[in-house]
Amino acid sequence: MIKKTALCLILLISACTASYAQIDTLHLDTNTLIYGEVKSMNRGVLTIETNYSDSDFTIEWLEIKKIYTQTVFLTSLTDGRRIIGSLSTNEDNSITITNREGADEAEVQIAEIVFLQPLNEGFWSRLDAAVDFGISFTKANNLRQFTFGTNLKYTEDKWSALINANMLRSTQDNAEDIRREDAAFVFNYFLPKDWYLSPQISLLSNTEQLLDLRTIVSMGVGKYLVNTNKIYWGVLTGLSYNSEQFSSDAEDRSTIEGILGTELNIFDAEDISLITRLITYPSLSESGRWRADWNFDLKYDLPLDFYVKTGITLNYDNQPTTGASDSDYYWKLAFGWEW
């Protein structure tokens, strides 16, 4: 009797455990089955939590042969559609997205799905953050240099918000100190067919261009021309208001500018990701003036969510204030952590 009771308890516990673990099911190309709860899929990598591992599994999205979920996701597709529903794979390996009412919303191929976000997740699961720093010393001229950078991104069903900031300090004997700070707030509201609205505020201060503070308030309209599990490429246009205060005796300056920009993000090349962005600002209120901001960042992922990153940032102005350089650039090599 005791043995039968114990056996029933074991079977009951196993059934409860299996019920929990089998919320979502993945079939891999290697014929491996994984049961658990899909936490997200972004940049070509799916994260799943299981009850038989202390840490989550990460799997290349295109290595998944079949997927069945009870979890409801916000699903983004390569054609720009954003659909809410659970996923199930059909006999022909297509995937049906089914809404909460049980109706089929779409039938797509696995490569058409570029983003999955569970709708039952809280604030912290929708927040991505990273912080990095670099430091260098040389005996010559007693050179000291320090860099710091941080990114915070929050994603909702129809919008995302990004805050980033970077700082550089450099001192050496017999030379003026060098400083540079930039920060930006970017809000994206997603529209059908991969269009989006993008109001932004950006700040820049650097000694090379005698900028005490440059403030840009802009409104842009963008479109992703390519949006896949390996790469996205988009373009942006709009208008901006540029206000500048200088560290010299030059008068403050305000201009109305157009926006023409493009961004390329490659994120499924093993542990390497690359992002480059070029934004040009042709002036509408000052004849012949134009500016450009260019960024290039290359990141290599390390274990435990650490990474190393190198990048170049360039700011150009063909009509700088008197006594200032027409360009300022810096290269950095930094070590960081993301979560």
Protein backbone atom coordinates (compact mmCIF):
# COMPACT_ATOMS: atom_id res chain seq x y z
CA MET A 1 0.00 0.00 0.00
CA ILE A 2 2.83 2.39 0.91
CA LYS A 3 4.64 1.57 -2.32
CA LYS A 4 1.50 2.22 -4.37
CA THR A 5 0.90 5.52 -2.61
CA ALA A 6 4.51 6.60 -3.17
CA LEU A 7 4.28 5.59 -6.81
CA CYS A 8 1.09 7.65 -7.24
CA LEU A 9 2.75 10.66 -5.63
CA ILE A 10 5.77 10.33 -7.90
CA LEU A 11 3.55 10.07 -10.97
CA LEU A 12 1.49 13.07 -9.81
CA ILE A 13 4.60 15.20 -9.23
CA SER A 14 6.02 14.14 -12.59
CA ALA A 15 2.76 15.02 -14.31
CA CYS A 16 2.67 18.44 -12.67
CA THR A 17 6.30 19.02 -13.59
CA ALA A 18 5.72 17.91 -17.16
CA SER A 19 2.65 20.12 -17.37
CA TYR A 20 4.74 23.10 -16.35
CA ALA A 21 7.68 22.22 -18.57
CA GLN A 22 5.61 21.55 -21.65
CA ILE A 23 4.05 25.00 -21.92
CA ASP A 24 6.04 25.44 -25.13
CA THR A 25 7.70 22.79 -27.30
CA LEU A 26 10.63 23.10 -29.70
CA HIS A 27 11.77 20.53 -32.28
CA LEU A 28 15.32 21.19 -33.43
CA ASP A 29 17.05 20.17 -36.67
CA THR A 30 18.99 17.60 -34.63
CA ASN A 31 15.67 15.87 -33.70
CA THR A 32 16.08 17.17 -30.15
CA LEU A 33 12.92 18.14 -28.23
CA ILE A 34 12.97 20.95 -25.67
CA TYR A 35 10.06 21.64 -23.33
CA GLY A 36 9.73 24.84 -21.34
CA GLU A 37 8.64 28.45 -21.62
CA VAL A 38 9.84 30.61 -24.49
CA LYS A 39 10.99 33.92 -22.99
CA SER A 40 11.75 35.83 -26.20
CA MET A 41 13.22 35.75 -29.69
CA ASN A 42 15.22 38.70 -30.89
CA ARG A 43 18.06 39.18 -33.38
CA GLY A 44 17.80 35.58 -34.55
CA VAL A 45 18.20 34.00 -31.08
CA LEU A 46 15.41 32.36 -29.05
CA THR A 47 15.59 32.07 -25.26
CA ILE A 48 13.68 29.30 -23.47
CA GLU A 49 13.41 28.56 -19.74
CA THR A 50 13.15 24.94 -18.60
CA ASN A 51 12.65 23.31 -15.21
CA TYR A 52 15.61 20.96 -15.73
CA SER A 53 18.30 23.62 -16.13
CA ASP A 54 19.52 26.36 -13.80
CA SER A 55 20.06 28.74 -16.72
CA ASP A 56 18.01 29.50 -19.82
CA PHE A 57 18.82 27.93 -23.19
CA THR A 58 19.57 30.13 -26.20
CA ILE A 59 18.98 28.64 -29.65
CA GLU A 60 19.51 29.98 -33.15
CA TRP A 61 15.99 30.66 -34.46
CA LEU A 62 16.55 29.10 -37.87
CA GLU A 63 17.79 25.86 -36.23
CA ILE A 64 14.25 25.27 -34.94
CA LYS A 65 12.29 22.82 -37.09
CA LYS A 66 8.93 23.04 -35.31
CA ILE A 67 7.46 25.15 -32.51
CA TYR A 68 4.25 24.83 -30.48
CA THR A 69 3.39 27.40 -27.80
CA GLN A 70 0.71 28.07 -25.27
CA THR A 71 2.40 31.38 -24.55
CA VAL A 72 0.88 34.33 -26.40
CA PHE A 73 3.43 36.51 -28.21
CA LEU A 74 3.66 39.81 -29.96
CA THR A 75 5.09 38.53 -33.25
CA SER A 76 6.85 40.78 -35.78
CA LEU A 77 7.19 39.63 -39.39
CA THR A 78 9.54 40.55 -42.21
CA ASP A 79 6.70 42.34 -44.05
CA GLY A 80 6.19 44.70 -41.09
CA ARG A 81 3.07 43.08 -39.61
CA ARG A 82 2.84 42.79 -35.82
CA ILE A 83 0.45 39.99 -34.79
CA ILE A 84 -0.60 38.82 -31.32
CA GLY A 85 -1.11 35.08 -30.82
CA SER A 86 0.34 31.64 -30.05
CA LEU A 87 2.39 29.60 -32.54
CA SER A 88 1.96 26.10 -33.95
CA THR A 89 3.81 24.38 -36.79
CA ASN A 90 1.83 22.72 -39.58
CA GLU A 91 2.62 19.53 -41.51
CA ASP A 92 4.24 21.55 -44.31
CA ASN A 93 6.47 23.28 -41.69
CA SER A 94 4.64 26.59 -42.02
CA ILE A 95 3.62 28.28 -38.75
CA THR A 96 0.08 29.34 -37.86
CA ILE A 97 -0.34 32.30 -35.50
CA THR A 98 -3.59 31.93 -33.55
CA ASN A 99 -5.14 34.78 -31.55
CA ARG A 100 -6.63 34.57 -28.05
CA GLU A 101 -10.09 33.80 -29.46
CA GLY A 102 -8.74 30.75 -31.30
CA ALA A 103 -8.93 32.26 -34.80
CA ASP A 104 -6.03 31.95 -37.23
CA GLU A 105 -4.39 35.33 -37.80
CA ALA A 106 -1.64 34.34 -40.25
CA GLU A 107 0.24 31.42 -41.77
CA VAL A 108 3.94 32.15 -42.30
CA GLN A 109 7.32 30.50 -42.76
CA ILE A 110 9.69 30.38 -39.80
CA ALA A 111 12.17 32.72 -41.54
CA GLU A 112 9.44 35.40 -41.78
CA ILE A 113 9.30 35.72 -37.97
CA VAL A 114 11.90 38.21 -36.71
CA PHE A 115 10.75 38.99 -33.16
CA LEU A 116 8.77 37.31 -30.35
CA GLN A 117 7.78 39.07 -27.12
CA PRO A 118 5.53 37.31 -24.56
CA LEU A 119 2.61 39.55 -23.63
CA ASN A 120 2.34 38.17 -20.11
CA GLU A 121 5.81 39.39 -19.16
CA GLY A 122 6.39 42.28 -16.80
CA PHE A 123 8.39 45.47 -17.04
CA TRP A 124 11.84 43.99 -16.45
CA SER A 125 11.50 41.35 -19.17
CA ARG A 126 10.93 44.09 -21.76
CA LEU A 127 13.96 46.08 -20.68
CA ASP A 128 17.39 45.59 -22.28
CA ALA A 129 20.40 47.33 -20.80
CA ALA A 130 24.16 47.47 -21.31
CA VAL A 131 27.05 49.34 -19.76
CA ASP A 132 30.70 49.48 -20.84
CA PHE A 133 33.87 51.35 -19.97
CA GLY A 134 37.47 51.72 -21.06
CA ILE A 135 40.56 53.20 -19.44
CA SER A 136 44.15 53.80 -20.58
CA PHE A 137 47.37 55.21 -19.11
CA THR A 138 50.69 56.12 -20.68
CA LYS A 139 53.87 57.37 -19.02
CA ALA A 140 54.51 59.86 -21.84
CA ASN A 141 53.02 63.24 -20.86
CA ASN A 142 51.19 61.45 -18.03
CA LEU A 143 48.26 60.67 -20.36
CA ARG A 144 45.02 59.46 -18.74
CA GLN A 145 41.89 58.56 -20.72
CA PHE A 146 38.53 57.18 -19.58
CA THR A 147 35.41 56.26 -21.59
CA PHE A 148 31.96 55.22 -20.41
CA GLY A 149 28.83 54.20 -22.29
CA THR A 150 25.36 52.91 -21.46
CA ASN A 151 22.17 51.88 -23.29
CA LEU A 152 18.64 51.30 -22.01
CA LYS A 153 15.88 50.04 -24.31
CA TYR A 154 12.26 49.25 -23.46
CA THR A 155 9.95 47.54 -25.96
CA GLU A 156 6.15 47.52 -25.90
CA ASP A 157 3.62 46.10 -28.36
CA LYS A 158 3.48 49.17 -30.61
CA TRP A 159 6.45 51.25 -29.53
CA SER A 160 9.98 51.24 -28.14
CA ALA A 161 12.06 53.78 -26.25
CA LEU A 162 15.86 54.01 -26.19
CA ILE A 163 18.19 56.06 -24.01
CA ASN A 164 21.95 56.04 -24.59
CA ALA A 165 24.83 58.10 -23.27
CA ASN A 166 28.61 58.20 -23.80
CA MET A 167 31.41 60.09 -22.10
CA LEU A 168 35.12 60.61 -22.79
CA ARG A 169 37.69 62.32 -20.59
CA SER A 170 41.37 62.75 -21.50
CA THR A 171 44.08 64.62 -19.61
CA GLN A 172 47.83 64.98 -20.13
CA ASP A 173 50.65 67.26 -19.08
CA ASN A 174 51.25 70.47 -21.05
CA ALA A 175 47.94 70.20 -22.93
CA GLU A 176 44.34 71.23 -22.42
CA ASP A 177 41.92 68.61 -21.14
CA ILE A 178 39.75 66.90 -23.76
CA ARG A 179 36.14 66.09 -23.01
CA ARG A 180 33.19 64.80 -24.95
CA GLU A 181 29.67 63.81 -23.92
CA ASP A 182 26.67 62.75 -25.97
CA ALA A 183 23.23 61.44 -25.08
CA ALA A 184 20.00 60.67 -26.91
CA PHE A 185 16.40 59.72 -26.30
CA VAL A 186 14.75 57.92 -29.22
CA PHE A 187 11.07 56.95 -29.33
CA ASN A 188 9.81 54.70 -32.14
CA TYR A 189 6.11 54.13 -32.84
CA PHE A 190 5.60 51.20 -35.19
CA LEU A 191 3.25 51.52 -38.16
CA PRO A 192 2.09 48.85 -40.67
CA LYS A 193 4.44 47.51 -43.37
CA ASP A 194 7.66 48.31 -41.47
CA TRP A 195 7.09 52.09 -41.30
CA TYR A 196 7.64 53.92 -38.02
CA LEU A 197 7.54 57.41 -36.48
CA SER A 198 10.67 58.50 -34.60
CA PRO A 199 10.72 61.66 -32.45
CA GLN A 200 14.17 62.16 -30.89
CA ILE A 201 16.16 64.44 -28.61
CA SER A 202 19.97 64.36 -28.76
CA LEU A 203 22.68 66.26 -26.88
CA LEU A 204 26.35 66.75 -27.74
CA SER A 205 29.23 68.57 -26.07
CA ASN A 206 32.87 68.45 -27.17
CA THR A 207 35.97 70.59 -26.87
CA GLU A 208 37.21 70.04 -30.44
CA GLN A 209 34.28 71.92 -32.01
CA LEU A 210 33.98 74.36 -29.07
CA LEU A 211 30.49 73.01 -28.39
CA ASP A 212 29.32 73.72 -24.89
CA LEU A 213 26.00 72.10 -25.83
CA ARG A 214 24.24 71.16 -29.06
CA THR A 215 20.57 70.20 -28.62
CA ILE A 216 18.66 68.61 -31.49
CA VAL A 217 14.92 68.03 -31.35
CA SER A 218 13.70 66.09 -34.37
CA MET A 219 10.73 64.27 -35.85
CA GLY A 220 11.42 61.54 -38.39
CA VAL A 221 9.60 58.96 -40.48
CA GLY A 222 11.44 55.73 -41.19
CA LYS A 223 11.06 52.44 -42.99
CA TYR A 224 12.88 49.13 -42.73
CA LEU A 225 13.85 48.10 -46.26
CA VAL A 226 15.32 44.80 -45.02
CA ASN A 227 14.11 43.14 -41.81
CA THR A 228 15.20 39.52 -41.27
CA ASN A 229 16.65 37.25 -38.57
CA LYS A 230 20.18 38.19 -39.63
CA ILE A 231 20.07 41.83 -40.67
CA TYR A 232 17.97 44.93 -40.79
CA TRP A 233 18.50 48.02 -42.87
CA GLY A 234 16.35 51.12 -42.67
CA VAL A 235 16.14 54.70 -43.90
CA LEU A 236 14.90 57.85 -42.13
CA THR A 237 13.82 61.34 -43.17
CA GLY A 238 12.32 64.29 -41.33
CA LEU A 239 12.91 67.73 -39.79
CA SER A 240 14.96 68.91 -36.82
CA TYR A 241 15.59 72.02 -34.72
CA ASN A 242 19.26 72.55 -33.80
CA SER A 243 20.26 74.85 -30.94
CA GLU A 244 23.98 75.44 -30.20
CA GLN A 245 25.83 77.14 -27.35
CA PHE A 246 29.61 77.51 -27.60
CA SER A 247 32.42 77.53 -25.06
CA SER A 248 34.01 80.47 -26.94
CA ASP A 249 32.69 84.04 -27.24
CA ALA A 250 30.68 83.09 -30.35
CA GLU A 251 26.97 83.88 -30.32
CA ASP A 252 24.44 81.12 -29.80
CA ARG A 253 23.14 79.56 -33.00
CA SER A 254 19.75 78.06 -33.95
CA THR A 255 18.85 76.42 -37.26
CA ILE A 256 16.11 74.38 -38.92
CA GLU A 257 17.46 71.29 -40.66
CA GLY A 258 16.27 68.40 -42.76
CA ILE A 259 17.12 64.78 -41.92
CA LEU A 260 18.38 62.09 -44.29
CA GLY A 261 19.70 58.95 -42.67
CA THR A 262 20.28 55.23 -42.87
CA GLU A 263 21.11 52.44 -40.42
CA LEU A 264 22.46 48.91 -40.92
CA ASN A 265 22.42 46.27 -38.17
CA ILE A 266 23.98 42.81 -38.65
CA PHE A 267 23.40 40.61 -35.60
CA ASP A 268 23.51 36.90 -36.56
CA ALA A 269 27.20 36.35 -37.31
CA GLU A 270 28.07 33.91 -34.51
CA ASP A 271 29.08 36.07 -31.50
CA ILE A 272 29.74 39.20 -33.54
CA SER A 273 27.29 42.04 -34.15
CA LEU A 274 27.76 45.20 -36.17
CA ILE A 275 25.76 48.39 -36.34
CA THR A 276 26.49 51.50 -38.38
CA ARG A 277 24.42 54.66 -38.70
CA LEU A 278 24.80 57.77 -40.88
CA ILE A 279 22.56 60.83 -40.40
CA THR A 280 22.97 63.99 -42.50
CA TYR A 281 21.41 67.36 -41.63
CA PRO A 282 21.13 69.77 -44.59
CA SER A 283 20.28 73.20 -43.20
CA LEU A 284 17.02 74.80 -44.33
CA SER A 285 17.71 78.17 -42.65
CA GLU A 286 21.44 78.68 -43.33
CA SER A 287 22.54 78.66 -46.96
CA GLY A 288 25.07 75.95 -47.84
CA ARG A 289 25.46 74.51 -44.36
CA TRP A 290 25.18 70.79 -43.68
CA ARG A 291 26.21 68.46 -40.89
CA ALA A 292 26.68 64.70 -40.54
CA ASP A 293 26.88 62.22 -37.65
CA TRP A 294 28.34 58.76 -38.26
CA ASN A 295 28.64 55.80 -35.88
CA PHE A 296 30.24 52.40 -36.37
CA ASP A 297 30.20 49.79 -33.56
CA LEU A 298 31.51 46.22 -33.62
CA LYS A 299 30.73 43.99 -30.63
CA TYR A 300 31.96 40.52 -29.67
CA ASP A 301 29.92 38.57 -27.11
CA LEU A 302 31.72 36.83 -24.25
CA PRO A 303 30.38 34.28 -21.74
CA LEU A 304 28.11 35.41 -18.89
CA ASP A 305 26.68 38.33 -20.93
CA PHE A 306 29.98 40.20 -21.01
CA TYR A 307 31.28 41.69 -24.25
CA VAL A 308 34.08 43.72 -25.81
CA LYS A 309 33.25 46.51 -28.23
CA THR A 310 35.13 48.81 -30.52
CA GLY A 311 33.66 51.77 -32.36
CA ILE A 312 34.18 55.06 -34.16
CA THR A 313 32.01 58.17 -33.87
CA LEU A 314 32.38 61.16 -36.22
CA ASN A 315 30.63 64.54 -36.12
CA TYR A 316 31.11 66.88 -39.11
CA ASP A 317 30.01 70.48 -39.73
CA ASN A 318 31.03 72.24 -42.95
CA GLN A 319 30.38 75.67 -41.36
CA PRO A 320 31.63 75.45 -37.74
CA THR A 321 31.80 78.41 -35.44
CA THR A 322 34.87 80.67 -35.60
CA GLY A 323 37.98 78.97 -34.24
CA ALA A 324 36.47 75.49 -34.12
CA SER A 325 37.38 72.39 -36.08
CA ASP A 326 34.93 71.21 -38.74
CA SER A 327 34.99 67.65 -37.33
CA ASP A 328 35.40 65.68 -34.14
CA TYR A 329 35.89 61.93 -33.93
CA TYR A 330 36.90 59.34 -31.39
CA TRP A 331 37.71 55.65 -31.39
CA LYS A 332 37.08 53.48 -28.36
CA LEU A 333 37.79 49.97 -27.17
CA ALA A 334 35.61 49.02 -24.22
CA PHE A 335 34.62 46.09 -21.99
CA GLY A 336 30.98 45.78 -20.95
CA TRP A 337 28.08 43.75 -19.60
CA GLU A 338 24.46 43.53 -20.82
CA TRP A 339 21.30 42.13 -19.30
